[in-house]
Amino acid sequence: MNFVDDHSAVVKMQELLTYLYTSSDLATRYIQEISFRKNDIIVQPNDSPNCFYLIR
């Protein structure tokens, strides 16, 4: 089993965001920034699994 340390995970997330942002077409189609407050529920149990979240 391979474990990813926190720094490595942050670097990979930044690489993905950078890749998506470099193409304005990808950015406008696939990136949506949403703000949440502490203790907000982000995903409900019955939500459709057609996306994933990158949490900064």
Protein backbone atom coordinates (compact mmCIF):
# COMPACT_ATOMS: atom_id res chain seq x y z
CA MET A 1 0.00 0.00 0.00
CA ASN A 2 1.37 3.41 -0.96
CA PHE A 3 0.71 6.32 1.33
CA VAL A 4 0.77 9.92 0.17
CA ASP A 5 2.14 12.48 2.58
CA ASP A 6 0.36 15.82 2.97
CA HIS A 7 2.95 17.78 0.98
CA SER A 8 2.82 15.33 -1.91
CA ALA A 9 -0.97 15.51 -1.98
CA VAL A 10 -0.88 19.32 -2.06
CA VAL A 11 1.63 19.29 -4.92
CA LYS A 12 -0.50 16.85 -6.94
CA MET A 13 -3.64 18.92 -6.35
CA GLN A 14 -1.82 22.08 -7.44
CA GLU A 15 -0.55 20.31 -10.57
CA LEU A 16 -4.09 19.26 -11.46
CA LEU A 17 -5.50 22.74 -10.90
CA THR A 18 -2.67 24.29 -12.93
CA TYR A 19 -3.35 21.88 -15.79
CA LEU A 20 -7.07 22.64 -15.77
CA TYR A 21 -6.51 26.39 -15.54
CA THR A 22 -4.02 26.40 -18.47
CA SER A 23 -6.84 25.52 -20.84
CA SER A 24 -9.60 28.10 -20.61
CA ASP A 25 -11.99 25.59 -22.17
CA LEU A 26 -11.31 23.02 -19.44
CA ALA A 27 -11.45 25.67 -16.75
CA THR A 28 -14.81 27.05 -17.82
CA ARG A 29 -16.32 23.60 -18.29
CA TYR A 30 -14.93 21.75 -15.28
CA ILE A 31 -13.82 24.10 -12.52
CA GLN A 32 -16.25 25.72 -10.17
CA GLU A 33 -14.99 27.36 -7.00
CA ILE A 34 -17.38 27.14 -4.08
CA SER A 35 -16.87 28.48 -0.58
CA PHE A 36 -18.02 26.62 2.48
CA ARG A 37 -18.11 27.52 6.12
CA LYS A 38 -16.93 25.32 8.95
CA ASN A 39 -19.34 22.41 9.58
CA ASP A 40 -21.18 22.87 6.26
CA ILE A 41 -22.27 19.64 4.61
CA ILE A 42 -20.64 19.45 1.20
CA VAL A 43 -22.06 16.18 -0.11
CA GLN A 44 -25.38 14.59 0.79
CA PRO A 45 -25.64 10.76 0.91
CA ASN A 46 -27.89 10.63 -2.19
CA ASP A 47 -25.92 13.10 -4.35
CA SER A 48 -25.03 11.94 -7.85
CA PRO A 49 -21.38 10.80 -8.04
CA ASN A 50 -20.61 12.76 -11.22
CA CYS A 51 -17.93 15.05 -9.79
CA PHE A 52 -15.19 15.24 -7.22
CA TYR A 53 -14.05 17.98 -4.90
CA LEU A 54 -10.59 19.38 -4.35
CA ILE A 55 -10.53 21.09 -1.02
CA ARG A 56 -8.00 23.84 -0.53
